[in-house]
Amino acid sequence: MKLLDNIYVYPWTSYEANNCNAVFIDGPVPTLIDPGHRNLLGNVMNGMARDGKNIESVRLVMGTHGHPDHVEGADAFDGQTLRAIGRVEFDYLNGSGKDLYLMTGCEMPRKPYSFYLNEGALTIGDTPFRVILTPGHSPGSLCFYCEQKRLLISGDTVFYLGVGRTDLPGGNMEALGHSIRKLASLDVEYLVPGHGEIVTGRDRVQKNFKGILNEFF
């Protein structure tokens, strides 16, 4: 589903299995953020095909965080495709983050990461983004913010009318509240969460942030 000029979103809408929303950013380095579970990658493949895109064109796969419902599918891509995740999250995956994979029967990522992400500027395709560290749901969760397009890809930090759970290994409710307050200060017209409905329109986005802060924090 095309959201903006070179931004495509492939929501997961089935209640039969847990999986995440994926975001494809076209450009000189076609990039897929949060491919989801490996066995459910067909959701992204079919969505891209409907938009006239080929999943084999993807040259960079990034994860907002390391939970299996977001990054397990990264191993499905060949050796020509780069992989990236947050530096803090990589350390977490090599510690207590392994527990979630054991709990859910998923396999830890086997293919190595090509580089690690820290806070700061990052050009994805030919679109300037800012990487924001937002711990809480997991210690190294990242969000991707494009000021130019007023677009926020929020992973499992904040949803429509909800927040990421903090009862999994590495979760911290106090840290999550701080992260959401930081995001609420941004100029956002398109909020693309890791699960659930996309929120569009500045007023709706701000109302969503205010409601969440009042309800949870």
C-alpha atoms as a PDB file:
ATOM      1  CA  MET A   1       0.000   0.000   0.000  1.00  0.00           C
ATOM      2  CA  LYS A   2       1.543   3.272  -1.099  1.00  0.00           C
ATOM      3  CA  LEU A   3       1.526   5.838   1.713  1.00  0.00           C
ATOM      4  CA  LEU A   4       3.759   8.592   0.309  1.00  0.00           C
ATOM      5  CA  ASP A   5       5.922   9.152  -2.778  1.00  0.00           C
ATOM      6  CA  ASN A   6       8.420   6.366  -2.131  1.00  0.00           C
ATOM      7  CA  ILE A   7       7.020   4.941   1.135  1.00  0.00           C
ATOM      8  CA  TYR A   8       4.959   1.751   1.147  1.00  0.00           C
ATOM      9  CA  VAL A   9       3.329   0.078   4.154  1.00  0.00           C
ATOM     10  CA  TYR A  10       2.271  -3.564   4.353  1.00  0.00           C
ATOM     11  CA  PRO A  11       0.042  -3.937   7.412  1.00  0.00           C
ATOM     12  CA  TRP A  12      -0.540  -7.261   9.110  1.00  0.00           C
ATOM     13  CA  THR A  13      -4.298  -7.592   9.590  1.00  0.00           C
ATOM     14  CA  SER A  14      -4.817 -11.276  10.395  1.00  0.00           C
ATOM     15  CA  TYR A  15      -5.775 -12.281  13.939  1.00  0.00           C
ATOM     16  CA  GLU A  16      -4.722 -15.883  13.325  1.00  0.00           C
ATOM     17  CA  ALA A  17      -1.014 -15.188  13.882  1.00  0.00           C
ATOM     18  CA  ASN A  18       1.113 -12.454  15.393  1.00  0.00           C
ATOM     19  CA  ASN A  19       3.172 -10.480  12.905  1.00  0.00           C
ATOM     20  CA  CYS A  20       4.182  -6.865  12.354  1.00  0.00           C
ATOM     21  CA  ASN A  21       3.542  -4.105   9.854  1.00  0.00           C
ATOM     22  CA  ALA A  22       6.381  -3.780   7.332  1.00  0.00           C
ATOM     23  CA  VAL A  23       7.585  -0.590   5.641  1.00  0.00           C
ATOM     24  CA  PHE A  24       9.308  -0.477   2.251  1.00  0.00           C
ATOM     25  CA  ILE A  25      11.265   2.634   1.246  1.00  0.00           C
ATOM     26  CA  ASP A  26      12.131   2.766  -2.433  1.00  0.00           C
ATOM     27  CA  GLY A  27      15.144   4.576  -3.835  1.00  0.00           C
ATOM     28  CA  PRO A  28      18.817   3.973  -4.677  1.00  0.00           C
ATOM     29  CA  VAL A  29      19.038   1.405  -1.849  1.00  0.00           C
ATOM     30  CA  PRO A  30      15.582  -0.199  -1.587  1.00  0.00           C
ATOM     31  CA  THR A  31      15.014  -0.756   2.140  1.00  0.00           C
ATOM     32  CA  LEU A  32      12.612  -2.920   4.110  1.00  0.00           C
ATOM     33  CA  ILE A  33      11.973  -2.080   7.764  1.00  0.00           C
ATOM     34  CA  ASP A  34      10.642  -4.905   9.970  1.00  0.00           C
ATOM     35  CA  PRO A  35      10.125  -7.814   7.547  1.00  0.00           C
ATOM     36  CA  GLY A  36       8.246  -9.812  10.217  1.00  0.00           C
ATOM     37  CA  HIS A  37       8.252 -13.560  10.751  1.00  0.00           C
ATOM     38  CA  ARG A  38      10.052 -15.562   8.090  1.00  0.00           C
ATOM     39  CA  ASN A  39       7.108 -17.899   7.410  1.00  0.00           C
ATOM     40  CA  LEU A  40       4.793 -14.883   6.970  1.00  0.00           C
ATOM     41  CA  LEU A  41       7.038 -12.926   4.602  1.00  0.00           C
ATOM     42  CA  GLY A  42       4.557 -13.656   1.828  1.00  0.00           C
ATOM     43  CA  ASN A  43       2.438 -10.800   3.203  1.00  0.00           C
ATOM     44  CA  VAL A  44       5.197  -8.372   2.224  1.00  0.00           C
ATOM     45  CA  MET A  45       6.026 -10.142  -1.023  1.00  0.00           C
ATOM     46  CA  ASN A  46       2.416 -10.109  -2.224  1.00  0.00           C
ATOM     47  CA  GLY A  47       1.886  -6.518  -1.143  1.00  0.00           C
ATOM     48  CA  MET A  48       4.988  -5.340  -2.980  1.00  0.00           C
ATOM     49  CA  ALA A  49       3.922  -7.244  -6.099  1.00  0.00           C
ATOM     50  CA  ARG A  50       0.557  -5.469  -6.059  1.00  0.00           C
ATOM     51  CA  ASP A  51       2.461  -2.176  -5.999  1.00  0.00           C
ATOM     52  CA  GLY A  52       4.666  -3.221  -8.908  1.00  0.00           C
ATOM     53  CA  LYS A  53       7.676  -3.847  -6.662  1.00  0.00           C
ATOM     54  CA  ASN A  54       9.809  -6.963  -6.345  1.00  0.00           C
ATOM     55  CA  ILE A  55      10.932  -8.152  -2.934  1.00  0.00           C
ATOM     56  CA  GLU A  56      14.165  -9.343  -4.563  1.00  0.00           C
ATOM     57  CA  SER A  57      15.049  -5.676  -5.153  1.00  0.00           C
ATOM     58  CA  VAL A  58      15.497  -5.112  -1.396  1.00  0.00           C
ATOM     59  CA  ARG A  59      19.118  -4.327  -0.597  1.00  0.00           C
ATOM     60  CA  LEU A  60      18.828  -3.325   3.058  1.00  0.00           C
ATOM     61  CA  VAL A  61      16.705  -4.860   5.828  1.00  0.00           C
ATOM     62  CA  MET A  62      16.467  -2.991   9.135  1.00  0.00           C
ATOM     63  CA  GLY A  63      14.732  -3.806  12.396  1.00  0.00           C
ATOM     64  CA  THR A  64      13.119  -1.344  14.788  1.00  0.00           C
ATOM     65  CA  HIS A  65      13.984  -3.925  17.448  1.00  0.00           C
ATOM     66  CA  GLY A  66      15.023  -7.537  17.708  1.00  0.00           C
ATOM     67  CA  HIS A  67      11.828  -9.413  18.567  1.00  0.00           C
ATOM     68  CA  PRO A  68      11.150 -12.340  16.221  1.00  0.00           C
ATOM     69  CA  ASP A  69       7.835 -10.972  14.910  1.00  0.00           C
ATOM     70  CA  HIS A  70       9.836  -8.047  13.477  1.00  0.00           C
ATOM     71  CA  VAL A  71      13.180  -9.407  12.273  1.00  0.00           C
ATOM     72  CA  GLU A  72      13.014 -13.172  11.870  1.00  0.00           C
ATOM     73  CA  GLY A  73      12.315 -12.692   8.154  1.00  0.00           C
ATOM     74  CA  ALA A  74      15.654 -10.933   7.626  1.00  0.00           C
ATOM     75  CA  ASP A  75      17.324 -14.325   7.280  1.00  0.00           C
ATOM     76  CA  ALA A  76      15.236 -15.054   4.175  1.00  0.00           C
ATOM     77  CA  PHE A  77      17.236 -12.533   2.120  1.00  0.00           C
ATOM     78  CA  ASP A  78      20.400 -13.488   0.273  1.00  0.00           C
ATOM     79  CA  GLY A  79      23.953 -12.415   0.963  1.00  0.00           C
ATOM     80  CA  GLN A  80      23.679  -9.349  -1.272  1.00  0.00           C
ATOM     81  CA  THR A  81      21.162  -7.792   1.117  1.00  0.00           C
ATOM     82  CA  LEU A  82      22.571  -5.787   4.014  1.00  0.00           C
ATOM     83  CA  ARG A  83      21.086  -6.162   7.504  1.00  0.00           C
ATOM     84  CA  ALA A  84      21.041  -3.584  10.284  1.00  0.00           C
ATOM     85  CA  ILE A  85      19.741  -3.234  13.820  1.00  0.00           C
ATOM     86  CA  GLY A  86      20.444  -0.932  16.746  1.00  0.00           C
ATOM     87  CA  ARG A  87      23.755  -1.361  18.525  1.00  0.00           C
ATOM     88  CA  VAL A  88      22.038  -1.483  21.936  1.00  0.00           C
ATOM     89  CA  GLU A  89      19.503  -3.994  20.656  1.00  0.00           C
ATOM     90  CA  PHE A  90      22.211  -6.259  19.265  1.00  0.00           C
ATOM     91  CA  ASP A  91      23.812  -6.424  22.696  1.00  0.00           C
ATOM     92  CA  TYR A  92      20.384  -7.187  24.208  1.00  0.00           C
ATOM     93  CA  LEU A  93      19.829 -10.022  21.708  1.00  0.00           C
ATOM     94  CA  ASN A  94      23.061 -11.597  22.829  1.00  0.00           C
ATOM     95  CA  GLY A  95      21.885 -11.423  26.443  1.00  0.00           C
ATOM     96  CA  SER A  96      18.383 -11.635  27.903  1.00  0.00           C
ATOM     97  CA  GLY A  97      16.812 -11.036  24.469  1.00  0.00           C
ATOM     98  CA  LYS A  98      17.477 -14.668  23.620  1.00  0.00           C
ATOM     99  CA  ASP A  99      14.812 -15.705  26.131  1.00  0.00           C
ATOM    100  CA  LEU A 100      11.944 -14.498  23.949  1.00  0.00           C
ATOM    101  CA  TYR A 101      13.139 -16.662  21.057  1.00  0.00           C
ATOM    102  CA  LEU A 102      13.261 -19.662  23.365  1.00  0.00           C
ATOM    103  CA  MET A 103       9.798 -18.858  24.761  1.00  0.00           C
ATOM    104  CA  THR A 104       8.224 -18.607  21.308  1.00  0.00           C
ATOM    105  CA  GLY A 105      10.095 -21.440  19.603  1.00  0.00           C
ATOM    106  CA  CYS A 106      11.682 -19.089  17.059  1.00  0.00           C
ATOM    107  CA  GLU A 107      15.264 -19.276  15.829  1.00  0.00           C
ATOM    108  CA  MET A 108      17.730 -16.527  16.604  1.00  0.00           C
ATOM    109  CA  PRO A 109      18.952 -14.651  13.502  1.00  0.00           C
ATOM    110  CA  ARG A 110      21.754 -16.659  11.929  1.00  0.00           C
ATOM    111  CA  LYS A 111      23.017 -14.279   9.264  1.00  0.00           C
ATOM    112  CA  PRO A 112      25.320 -11.537  10.558  1.00  0.00           C
ATOM    113  CA  TYR A 113      24.363  -7.886  10.702  1.00  0.00           C
ATOM    114  CA  SER A 114      26.212  -5.685   8.224  1.00  0.00           C
ATOM    115  CA  PHE A 115      26.237  -2.623  10.485  1.00  0.00           C
ATOM    116  CA  TYR A 116      24.638  -1.241  13.634  1.00  0.00           C
ATOM    117  CA  LEU A 117      22.417   1.785  14.082  1.00  0.00           C
ATOM    118  CA  ASN A 118      22.842   4.553  16.644  1.00  0.00           C
ATOM    119  CA  GLU A 119      20.890   7.760  17.166  1.00  0.00           C
ATOM    120  CA  GLY A 120      21.387  10.389  14.500  1.00  0.00           C
ATOM    121  CA  ALA A 121      20.934  11.139  10.825  1.00  0.00           C
ATOM    122  CA  LEU A 122      20.442   8.295   8.349  1.00  0.00           C
ATOM    123  CA  THR A 123      19.566   8.480   4.660  1.00  0.00           C
ATOM    124  CA  ILE A 124      17.297   5.600   3.677  1.00  0.00           C
ATOM    125  CA  GLY A 125      17.128   5.274  -0.112  1.00  0.00           C
ATOM    126  CA  ASP A 126      17.360   8.976  -0.891  1.00  0.00           C
ATOM    127  CA  THR A 127      15.126  10.088   1.997  1.00  0.00           C
ATOM    128  CA  PRO A 128      16.648  11.746   5.096  1.00  0.00           C
ATOM    129  CA  PHE A 129      15.588  10.179   8.398  1.00  0.00           C
ATOM    130  CA  ARG A 130      16.559  10.571  12.021  1.00  0.00           C
ATOM    131  CA  VAL A 131      17.138   7.449  14.085  1.00  0.00           C
ATOM    132  CA  ILE A 132      15.723   7.860  17.612  1.00  0.00           C
ATOM    133  CA  LEU A 133      16.544   5.496  20.465  1.00  0.00           C
ATOM    134  CA  THR A 134      13.297   4.693  22.297  1.00  0.00           C
ATOM    135  CA  PRO A 135      13.875   2.090  25.032  1.00  0.00           C
ATOM    136  CA  GLY A 136      10.968   0.629  26.943  1.00  0.00           C
ATOM    137  CA  HIS A 137       9.438  -2.166  24.892  1.00  0.00           C
ATOM    138  CA  SER A 138      12.989  -3.448  24.517  1.00  0.00           C
ATOM    139  CA  PRO A 139      16.259  -1.815  25.608  1.00  0.00           C
ATOM    140  CA  GLY A 140      17.378  -0.825  22.122  1.00  0.00           C
ATOM    141  CA  SER A 141      14.114  -0.100  20.293  1.00  0.00           C
ATOM    142  CA  LEU A 142      14.483   2.437  17.500  1.00  0.00           C
ATOM    143  CA  CYS A 143      12.074   4.756  15.723  1.00  0.00           C
ATOM    144  CA  PHE A 144      12.691   6.333  12.312  1.00  0.00           C
ATOM    145  CA  TYR A 145      11.542   9.928  11.804  1.00  0.00           C
ATOM    146  CA  CYS A 146      11.467  11.820   8.515  1.00  0.00           C
ATOM    147  CA  GLU A 147      10.888  15.503   9.253  1.00  0.00           C
ATOM    148  CA  GLN A 148      10.584  16.276   5.535  1.00  0.00           C
ATOM    149  CA  LYS A 149       7.570  13.991   5.193  1.00  0.00           C
ATOM    150  CA  ARG A 150       6.413  14.329   8.828  1.00  0.00           C
ATOM    151  CA  LEU A 151       6.540  10.538   9.012  1.00  0.00           C
ATOM    152  CA  LEU A 152       7.252   8.492  12.134  1.00  0.00           C
ATOM    153  CA  ILE A 153       7.890   4.740  11.948  1.00  0.00           C
ATOM    154  CA  SER A 154       7.433   3.832  15.595  1.00  0.00           C
ATOM    155  CA  GLY A 155       7.931   0.064  15.818  1.00  0.00           C
ATOM    156  CA  ASP A 156       6.429  -1.242  19.065  1.00  0.00           C
ATOM    157  CA  THR A 157       7.017   1.928  21.054  1.00  0.00           C
ATOM    158  CA  VAL A 158       3.625   3.475  20.368  1.00  0.00           C
ATOM    159  CA  PHE A 159       0.498   2.309  18.538  1.00  0.00           C
ATOM    160  CA  TYR A 160      -2.916   3.710  17.789  1.00  0.00           C
ATOM    161  CA  LEU A 161      -4.502   3.867  21.268  1.00  0.00           C
ATOM    162  CA  GLY A 162      -1.777   1.734  22.796  1.00  0.00           C
ATOM    163  CA  VAL A 163       1.854   1.146  23.684  1.00  0.00           C
ATOM    164  CA  GLY A 164       4.289  -1.720  23.397  1.00  0.00           C
ATOM    165  CA  ARG A 165       4.157  -4.260  26.199  1.00  0.00           C
ATOM    166  CA  THR A 166       6.863  -4.137  28.835  1.00  0.00           C
ATOM    167  CA  ASP A 167       6.397  -7.559  30.454  1.00  0.00           C
ATOM    168  CA  LEU A 168       8.817  -9.241  28.036  1.00  0.00           C
ATOM    169  CA  PRO A 169      12.554  -9.612  28.775  1.00  0.00           C
ATOM    170  CA  GLY A 170      14.191  -6.174  28.788  1.00  0.00           C
ATOM    171  CA  GLY A 171      10.926  -4.222  29.044  1.00  0.00           C
ATOM    172  CA  ASN A 172      10.719  -1.100  31.212  1.00  0.00           C
ATOM    173  CA  MET A 173       7.549   0.969  31.636  1.00  0.00           C
ATOM    174  CA  GLU A 174       9.309   4.055  33.006  1.00  0.00           C
ATOM    175  CA  ALA A 175      11.707   4.113  30.045  1.00  0.00           C
ATOM    176  CA  LEU A 176       8.781   3.638  27.650  1.00  0.00           C
ATOM    177  CA  GLY A 177       6.998   6.680  29.071  1.00  0.00           C
ATOM    178  CA  HIS A 178      10.107   8.805  28.604  1.00  0.00           C
ATOM    179  CA  SER A 179      10.452   7.570  25.005  1.00  0.00           C
ATOM    180  CA  ILE A 180       6.834   8.351  24.150  1.00  0.00           C
ATOM    181  CA  ARG A 181       7.090  11.864  25.590  1.00  0.00           C
ATOM    182  CA  LYS A 182      10.126  12.398  23.351  1.00  0.00           C
ATOM    183  CA  LEU A 183       8.191  11.239  20.275  1.00  0.00           C
ATOM    184  CA  ALA A 184       5.151  13.345  21.173  1.00  0.00           C
ATOM    185  CA  SER A 185       7.236  16.506  20.684  1.00  0.00           C
ATOM    186  CA  LEU A 186       7.828  15.729  16.999  1.00  0.00           C
ATOM    187  CA  ASP A 187       5.860  17.210  14.088  1.00  0.00           C
ATOM    188  CA  VAL A 188       4.114  14.067  12.820  1.00  0.00           C
ATOM    189  CA  GLU A 189       1.367  13.699  10.254  1.00  0.00           C
ATOM    190  CA  TYR A 190       1.832   9.993   9.517  1.00  0.00           C
ATOM    191  CA  LEU A 191       2.346   7.589  12.413  1.00  0.00           C
ATOM    192  CA  VAL A 192       3.175   4.068  11.202  1.00  0.00           C
ATOM    193  CA  PRO A 193       3.290   1.677  14.189  1.00  0.00           C
ATOM    194  CA  GLY A 194       4.642  -1.842  14.309  1.00  0.00           C
ATOM    195  CA  HIS A 195       1.150  -3.266  14.759  1.00  0.00           C
ATOM    196  CA  GLY A 196      -2.352  -2.037  14.115  1.00  0.00           C
ATOM    197  CA  GLU A 197      -3.779   1.015  12.417  1.00  0.00           C
ATOM    198  CA  ILE A 198      -1.803   3.815  10.768  1.00  0.00           C
ATOM    199  CA  VAL A 199      -2.659   7.223  12.247  1.00  0.00           C
ATOM    200  CA  THR A 200      -2.859  10.095   9.762  1.00  0.00           C
ATOM    201  CA  GLY A 201      -3.341  13.813  10.313  1.00  0.00           C
ATOM    202  CA  ARG A 202      -1.467  15.984  12.832  1.00  0.00           C
ATOM    203  CA  ASP A 203      -4.488  16.471  15.077  1.00  0.00           C
ATOM    204  CA  ARG A 204      -5.223  12.729  15.250  1.00  0.00           C
ATOM    205  CA  VAL A 205      -1.580  11.922  15.911  1.00  0.00           C
ATOM    206  CA  GLN A 206      -1.338  14.467  18.734  1.00  0.00           C
ATOM    207  CA  LYS A 207      -4.663  13.338  20.188  1.00  0.00           C
ATOM    208  CA  ASN A 208      -3.324   9.785  20.143  1.00  0.00           C
ATOM    209  CA  PHE A 209      -0.159  10.809  22.007  1.00  0.00           C
ATOM    210  CA  LYS A 210      -2.101  12.810  24.592  1.00  0.00           C
ATOM    211  CA  GLY A 211      -4.573   9.998  25.181  1.00  0.00           C
ATOM    212  CA  ILE A 212      -1.802   7.459  25.632  1.00  0.00           C
ATOM    213  CA  LEU A 213       0.177   9.647  28.037  1.00  0.00           C
ATOM    214  CA  ASN A 214      -2.936  10.289  30.110  1.00  0.00           C
ATOM    215  CA  GLU A 215      -4.009   6.637  30.117  1.00  0.00           C
ATOM    216  CA  PHE A 216      -0.701   4.872  30.703  1.00  0.00           C
ATOM    217  CA  PHE A 217       1.638   7.417  32.287  1.00  0.00           C
END
